[in-house]
Amino acid sequence: MTFWILLALGLYFVQTLLPVAFRYKGSPDAMKSRDVMPETTALTGRADRALANAIEAMILFFPLALLSQGTGGAVAGAAVFVIARIAYVPLYLAGVPFLRTGAWLAGLAGLFLMATSIIG
């Protein structure tokens, strides 16, 4: 389970960097106080929304992962969740509507597997 928790943390960390990376595109203005933000592009908006969605998902994932340590179904659920989230991010950034929803539903199924392993 530790592997999947660390992988989810790594994915979350990368997602926190994406909106800033897309917004500034290597500009030295990224190192300034950011009192004036550059215009938001469609890609930056998608990265912001994907990050907001990741925050919502991680709020459920991490407690479930910690509560379900040592249960076999939970490890499978965590794997499904993390792999689905890894697929979800580029699909969201690319604006692919139906596959993105499928990846989101797969992640939700992983959370459900984790929850049911706790309940027994």
N, C-alpha and C. Protein backbone atom coordinates (compact mmCIF):
# COMPACT_ATOMS: atom_id res chain seq x y z
N MET A 1 0.82 -1.19 0.00
CA MET A 1 0.00 0.00 0.00
C MET A 1 0.86 1.26 0.00
N THR A 2 2.01 1.18 0.66
CA THR A 2 2.89 2.34 0.74
C THR A 2 3.28 2.83 -0.65
N PHE A 3 3.56 1.89 -1.55
CA PHE A 3 3.93 2.25 -2.92
C PHE A 3 2.85 3.11 -3.57
N TRP A 4 1.58 2.69 -3.45
CA TRP A 4 0.48 3.40 -4.09
C TRP A 4 0.23 4.76 -3.44
N ILE A 5 0.41 4.83 -2.13
CA ILE A 5 0.27 6.11 -1.44
C ILE A 5 1.35 7.09 -1.93
N LEU A 6 2.59 6.61 -2.02
CA LEU A 6 3.67 7.47 -2.49
C LEU A 6 3.49 7.88 -3.95
N LEU A 7 3.00 6.96 -4.76
CA LEU A 7 2.75 7.29 -6.16
C LEU A 7 1.63 8.34 -6.28
N ALA A 8 0.59 8.21 -5.46
CA ALA A 8 -0.49 9.20 -5.46
C ALA A 8 0.04 10.56 -5.01
N LEU A 9 0.90 10.57 -4.01
CA LEU A 9 1.51 11.83 -3.56
C LEU A 9 2.36 12.45 -4.66
N GLY A 10 3.11 11.62 -5.37
CA GLY A 10 3.93 12.12 -6.48
C GLY A 10 3.07 12.71 -7.59
N LEU A 11 1.99 12.03 -7.93
CA LEU A 11 1.08 12.55 -8.95
C LEU A 11 0.47 13.87 -8.51
N TYR A 12 0.07 13.94 -7.25
CA TYR A 12 -0.51 15.18 -6.73
C TYR A 12 0.52 16.32 -6.79
N PHE A 13 1.76 16.03 -6.44
CA PHE A 13 2.81 17.05 -6.49
C PHE A 13 3.00 17.56 -7.92
N VAL A 14 3.06 16.65 -8.86
CA VAL A 14 3.21 17.06 -10.27
C VAL A 14 2.03 17.91 -10.70
N GLN A 15 0.83 17.53 -10.28
CA GLN A 15 -0.35 18.30 -10.66
C GLN A 15 -0.34 19.71 -10.07
N THR A 16 0.28 19.89 -8.92
CA THR A 16 0.34 21.23 -8.34
C THR A 16 1.25 22.14 -9.17
N LEU A 17 2.20 21.56 -9.87
CA LEU A 17 3.14 22.35 -10.68
C LEU A 17 2.60 22.69 -12.07
N LEU A 18 1.69 21.89 -12.58
CA LEU A 18 1.23 22.06 -13.96
C LEU A 18 0.57 23.41 -14.23
N PRO A 19 -0.37 23.89 -13.40
CA PRO A 19 -0.98 25.18 -13.74
C PRO A 19 0.03 26.33 -13.83
N VAL A 20 0.98 26.35 -12.92
CA VAL A 20 2.00 27.41 -12.95
C VAL A 20 2.89 27.24 -14.18
N ALA A 21 3.26 26.02 -14.48
CA ALA A 21 4.11 25.77 -15.64
C ALA A 21 3.42 26.20 -16.93
N PHE A 22 2.13 25.89 -17.04
CA PHE A 22 1.40 26.29 -18.25
C PHE A 22 1.15 27.79 -18.28
N ARG A 23 0.95 28.38 -17.13
CA ARG A 23 0.64 29.81 -17.07
C ARG A 23 1.85 30.66 -17.45
N TYR A 24 3.04 30.26 -17.01
CA TYR A 24 4.24 31.08 -17.22
C TYR A 24 5.14 30.58 -18.33
N LYS A 25 5.06 29.33 -18.71
CA LYS A 25 5.81 28.77 -19.84
C LYS A 25 7.29 29.14 -19.81
N GLY A 26 7.92 29.00 -18.67
CA GLY A 26 9.35 29.27 -18.56
C GLY A 26 9.72 30.73 -18.41
N SER A 27 8.75 31.60 -18.27
CA SER A 27 9.02 33.02 -18.14
C SER A 27 9.66 33.33 -16.78
N PRO A 28 10.61 34.27 -16.73
CA PRO A 28 11.19 34.64 -15.44
C PRO A 28 10.17 35.31 -14.51
N ASP A 29 9.02 35.71 -15.04
CA ASP A 29 7.97 36.31 -14.20
C ASP A 29 7.45 35.32 -13.17
N ALA A 30 7.66 34.04 -13.41
CA ALA A 30 7.20 33.03 -12.46
C ALA A 30 7.91 33.17 -11.12
N MET A 31 9.09 33.76 -11.11
CA MET A 31 9.86 33.92 -9.88
C MET A 31 9.52 35.21 -9.13
N LYS A 32 8.69 36.03 -9.71
CA LYS A 32 8.33 37.30 -9.08
C LYS A 32 7.16 37.10 -8.12
N SER A 33 6.63 38.17 -7.58
CA SER A 33 5.58 38.10 -6.57
C SER A 33 4.22 37.69 -7.13
N ARG A 34 4.06 37.67 -8.40
CA ARG A 34 2.83 37.29 -9.07
C ARG A 34 1.64 38.16 -8.70
N ASP A 35 1.90 39.45 -8.53
CA ASP A 35 0.80 40.37 -8.25
C ASP A 35 -0.14 40.48 -9.44
N VAL A 36 0.44 40.38 -10.62
CA VAL A 36 -0.35 40.40 -11.85
C VAL A 36 -0.15 39.06 -12.54
N MET A 37 -1.24 38.33 -12.67
CA MET A 37 -1.16 37.00 -13.29
C MET A 37 -1.36 37.14 -14.80
N PRO A 38 -0.65 36.32 -15.58
CA PRO A 38 -0.88 36.33 -17.02
C PRO A 38 -2.28 35.78 -17.34
N GLU A 39 -2.72 36.03 -18.55
CA GLU A 39 -4.03 35.54 -18.96
C GLU A 39 -4.08 34.02 -18.88
N THR A 40 -5.24 33.52 -18.56
CA THR A 40 -5.42 32.08 -18.47
C THR A 40 -5.79 31.54 -19.85
N THR A 41 -5.04 30.54 -20.29
CA THR A 41 -5.36 29.86 -21.55
C THR A 41 -6.30 28.70 -21.24
N ALA A 42 -6.82 28.08 -22.27
CA ALA A 42 -7.68 26.91 -22.08
C ALA A 42 -6.92 25.80 -21.36
N LEU A 43 -5.66 25.60 -21.72
CA LEU A 43 -4.85 24.56 -21.09
C LEU A 43 -4.61 24.86 -19.62
N THR A 44 -4.32 26.11 -19.31
CA THR A 44 -4.12 26.49 -17.91
C THR A 44 -5.40 26.30 -17.11
N GLY A 45 -6.53 26.66 -17.69
CA GLY A 45 -7.82 26.46 -17.03
C GLY A 45 -8.07 24.99 -16.76
N ARG A 46 -7.76 24.14 -17.73
CA ARG A 46 -7.94 22.70 -17.54
C ARG A 46 -7.02 22.18 -16.44
N ALA A 47 -5.78 22.67 -16.41
CA ALA A 47 -4.83 22.24 -15.38
C ALA A 47 -5.32 22.68 -13.99
N ASP A 48 -5.88 23.88 -13.90
CA ASP A 48 -6.44 24.35 -12.63
C ASP A 48 -7.60 23.46 -12.19
N ARG A 49 -8.49 23.13 -13.12
CA ARG A 49 -9.66 22.30 -12.77
C ARG A 49 -9.24 20.87 -12.45
N ALA A 50 -8.26 20.34 -13.16
CA ALA A 50 -7.78 18.99 -12.86
C ALA A 50 -7.15 18.95 -11.47
N LEU A 51 -6.45 20.02 -11.09
CA LEU A 51 -5.87 20.09 -9.76
C LEU A 51 -6.96 20.15 -8.70
N ALA A 52 -7.99 20.95 -8.93
CA ALA A 52 -9.11 21.02 -7.98
C ALA A 52 -9.77 19.65 -7.83
N ASN A 53 -9.90 18.93 -8.94
CA ASN A 53 -10.48 17.59 -8.89
C ASN A 53 -9.57 16.64 -8.14
N ALA A 54 -8.26 16.79 -8.31
CA ALA A 54 -7.31 15.94 -7.59
C ALA A 54 -7.40 16.17 -6.09
N ILE A 55 -7.56 17.41 -5.69
CA ILE A 55 -7.70 17.71 -4.26
C ILE A 55 -8.92 16.99 -3.70
N GLU A 56 -10.03 17.06 -4.42
CA GLU A 56 -11.26 16.39 -3.98
C GLU A 56 -11.05 14.88 -3.89
N ALA A 57 -10.36 14.30 -4.85
CA ALA A 57 -10.16 12.86 -4.86
C ALA A 57 -9.18 12.41 -3.77
N MET A 58 -8.13 13.19 -3.57
CA MET A 58 -7.13 12.80 -2.57
C MET A 58 -7.67 12.89 -1.14
N ILE A 59 -8.64 13.78 -0.92
CA ILE A 59 -9.27 13.87 0.39
C ILE A 59 -9.95 12.55 0.73
N LEU A 60 -10.42 11.84 -0.26
CA LEU A 60 -11.02 10.52 -0.02
C LEU A 60 -9.97 9.41 -0.04
N PHE A 61 -9.01 9.51 -0.95
CA PHE A 61 -8.04 8.43 -1.11
C PHE A 61 -7.16 8.22 0.11
N PHE A 62 -6.55 9.28 0.63
CA PHE A 62 -5.57 9.10 1.69
C PHE A 62 -6.16 8.52 2.98
N PRO A 63 -7.30 8.98 3.46
CA PRO A 63 -7.87 8.32 4.65
C PRO A 63 -8.22 6.86 4.39
N LEU A 64 -8.78 6.58 3.22
CA LEU A 64 -9.11 5.19 2.90
C LEU A 64 -7.84 4.34 2.84
N ALA A 65 -6.79 4.87 2.24
CA ALA A 65 -5.54 4.12 2.14
C ALA A 65 -4.96 3.84 3.52
N LEU A 66 -5.01 4.82 4.40
CA LEU A 66 -4.46 4.62 5.74
C LEU A 66 -5.33 3.68 6.58
N LEU A 67 -6.63 3.79 6.44
CA LEU A 67 -7.53 2.92 7.21
C LEU A 67 -7.53 1.48 6.73
N SER A 68 -7.19 1.28 5.48
CA SER A 68 -7.28 -0.06 4.90
C SER A 68 -5.93 -0.76 4.78
N GLN A 69 -4.93 -0.28 5.47
CA GLN A 69 -3.61 -0.93 5.44
C GLN A 69 -3.77 -2.41 5.76
N GLY A 70 -3.19 -3.25 4.95
CA GLY A 70 -3.16 -4.68 5.23
C GLY A 70 -4.32 -5.47 4.67
N THR A 71 -5.26 -4.84 3.99
CA THR A 71 -6.34 -5.60 3.38
C THR A 71 -6.07 -5.72 1.88
N GLY A 72 -6.23 -6.93 1.36
CA GLY A 72 -5.89 -7.20 -0.04
C GLY A 72 -6.70 -6.39 -1.03
N GLY A 73 -8.00 -6.27 -0.79
CA GLY A 73 -8.85 -5.52 -1.71
C GLY A 73 -8.48 -4.05 -1.76
N ALA A 74 -7.98 -3.55 -0.66
CA ALA A 74 -7.62 -2.14 -0.61
C ALA A 74 -6.42 -1.86 -1.50
N VAL A 75 -5.47 -2.76 -1.56
CA VAL A 75 -4.29 -2.55 -2.41
C VAL A 75 -4.72 -2.54 -3.87
N ALA A 76 -5.61 -3.45 -4.23
CA ALA A 76 -6.12 -3.47 -5.61
C ALA A 76 -6.89 -2.19 -5.91
N GLY A 77 -7.70 -1.74 -4.96
CA GLY A 77 -8.45 -0.51 -5.15
C GLY A 77 -7.54 0.69 -5.28
N ALA A 78 -6.48 0.73 -4.47
CA ALA A 78 -5.52 1.83 -4.54
C ALA A 78 -4.82 1.83 -5.89
N ALA A 79 -4.47 0.65 -6.39
CA ALA A 79 -3.81 0.55 -7.69
C ALA A 79 -4.74 1.05 -8.79
N VAL A 80 -5.99 0.63 -8.75
CA VAL A 80 -6.96 1.09 -9.75
C VAL A 80 -7.11 2.60 -9.68
N PHE A 81 -7.23 3.14 -8.47
CA PHE A 81 -7.39 4.58 -8.30
C PHE A 81 -6.21 5.35 -8.88
N VAL A 82 -5.00 4.97 -8.50
CA VAL A 82 -3.81 5.72 -8.92
C VAL A 82 -3.60 5.62 -10.43
N ILE A 83 -3.75 4.44 -10.97
CA ILE A 83 -3.59 4.27 -12.43
C ILE A 83 -4.65 5.07 -13.17
N ALA A 84 -5.88 5.05 -12.67
CA ALA A 84 -6.94 5.83 -13.30
C ALA A 84 -6.65 7.32 -13.22
N ARG A 85 -6.12 7.78 -12.10
CA ARG A 85 -5.80 9.20 -11.96
C ARG A 85 -4.63 9.59 -12.87
N ILE A 86 -3.68 8.69 -13.04
CA ILE A 86 -2.57 8.96 -13.95
C ILE A 86 -3.10 9.11 -15.39
N ALA A 87 -4.09 8.30 -15.74
CA ALA A 87 -4.70 8.42 -17.08
C ALA A 87 -5.58 9.66 -17.17
N TYR A 88 -6.25 10.01 -16.08
CA TYR A 88 -7.20 11.12 -16.07
C TYR A 88 -6.53 12.46 -16.39
N VAL A 89 -5.36 12.70 -15.83
CA VAL A 89 -4.72 14.02 -15.97
C VAL A 89 -4.44 14.37 -17.44
N PRO A 90 -3.73 13.54 -18.20
CA PRO A 90 -3.50 13.93 -19.60
C PRO A 90 -4.79 13.97 -20.42
N LEU A 91 -5.75 13.10 -20.08
CA LEU A 91 -7.02 13.14 -20.80
C LEU A 91 -7.76 14.45 -20.54
N TYR A 92 -7.71 14.92 -19.31
CA TYR A 92 -8.35 16.19 -18.98
C TYR A 92 -7.62 17.35 -19.66
N LEU A 93 -6.29 17.32 -19.59
CA LEU A 93 -5.51 18.40 -20.21
C LEU A 93 -5.73 18.47 -21.72
N ALA A 94 -5.91 17.31 -22.34
CA ALA A 94 -6.12 17.26 -23.79
C ALA A 94 -7.57 17.57 -24.16
N GLY A 95 -8.46 17.62 -23.18
CA GLY A 95 -9.86 17.93 -23.45
C GLY A 95 -10.63 16.77 -24.05
N VAL A 96 -10.25 15.53 -23.72
CA VAL A 96 -10.93 14.35 -24.24
C VAL A 96 -12.11 14.04 -23.32
N PRO A 97 -13.36 14.25 -23.78
CA PRO A 97 -14.48 14.19 -22.86
C PRO A 97 -14.87 12.81 -22.34
N PHE A 98 -15.10 11.84 -23.17
CA PHE A 98 -15.67 10.57 -22.70
C PHE A 98 -14.64 9.66 -22.03
N LEU A 99 -13.45 9.59 -22.59
CA LEU A 99 -12.40 8.79 -21.95
C LEU A 99 -12.02 9.36 -20.60
N ARG A 100 -12.02 10.69 -20.49
CA ARG A 100 -11.73 11.33 -19.21
C ARG A 100 -12.75 10.92 -18.16
N THR A 101 -14.02 10.90 -18.53
CA THR A 101 -15.07 10.48 -17.60
C THR A 101 -14.89 9.01 -17.23
N GLY A 102 -14.49 8.19 -18.18
CA GLY A 102 -14.23 6.78 -17.88
C GLY A 102 -13.09 6.62 -16.90
N ALA A 103 -12.04 7.40 -17.06
CA ALA A 103 -10.92 7.34 -16.11
C ALA A 103 -11.36 7.81 -14.73
N TRP A 104 -12.18 8.84 -14.69
CA TRP A 104 -12.69 9.33 -13.41
C TRP A 104 -13.54 8.26 -12.73
N LEU A 105 -14.40 7.60 -13.50
CA LEU A 105 -15.24 6.53 -12.94
C LEU A 105 -14.40 5.35 -12.46
N ALA A 106 -13.34 5.03 -13.18
CA ALA A 106 -12.44 3.96 -12.74
C ALA A 106 -11.79 4.32 -11.41
N GLY A 107 -11.37 5.58 -11.26
CA GLY A 107 -10.81 6.03 -9.99
C GLY A 107 -11.82 5.93 -8.87
N LEU A 108 -13.06 6.28 -9.16
CA LEU A 108 -14.13 6.16 -8.17
C LEU A 108 -14.35 4.70 -7.79
N ALA A 109 -14.28 3.81 -8.76
CA ALA A 109 -14.41 2.37 -8.48
C ALA A 109 -13.28 1.90 -7.57
N GLY A 110 -12.07 2.43 -7.79
CA GLY A 110 -10.96 2.07 -6.91
C GLY A 110 -11.21 2.52 -5.48
N LEU A 111 -11.76 3.72 -5.31
CA LEU A 111 -12.10 4.19 -3.97
C LEU A 111 -13.17 3.31 -3.34
N PHE A 112 -14.14 2.89 -4.15
CA PHE A 112 -15.20 2.00 -3.66
C PHE A 112 -14.62 0.66 -3.20
N LEU A 113 -13.68 0.11 -3.98
CA LEU A 113 -13.01 -1.14 -3.56
C LEU A 113 -12.29 -0.96 -2.22
N MET A 114 -11.63 0.16 -2.06
CA MET A 114 -10.94 0.42 -0.81
C MET A 114 -11.92 0.52 0.34
N ALA A 115 -13.02 1.22 0.14
CA ALA A 115 -14.01 1.38 1.20
C ALA A 115 -14.64 0.05 1.59
N THR A 116 -14.95 -0.76 0.58
CA THR A 116 -15.58 -2.05 0.90
C THR A 116 -14.61 -3.00 1.60
N SER A 117 -13.32 -2.84 1.36
CA SER A 117 -12.36 -3.70 2.06
C SER A 117 -12.28 -3.32 3.54
N ILE A 118 -12.55 -2.07 3.86
CA ILE A 118 -12.56 -1.66 5.27
C ILE A 118 -13.80 -2.19 5.97
N ILE A 119 -14.94 -2.08 5.28
CA ILE A 119 -16.20 -2.51 5.86
C ILE A 119 -16.22 -4.02 6.05
N GLY A 120 -15.58 -4.71 5.13
CA GLY A 120 -15.48 -6.18 5.27
C GLY A 120 -16.44 -6.82 4.39
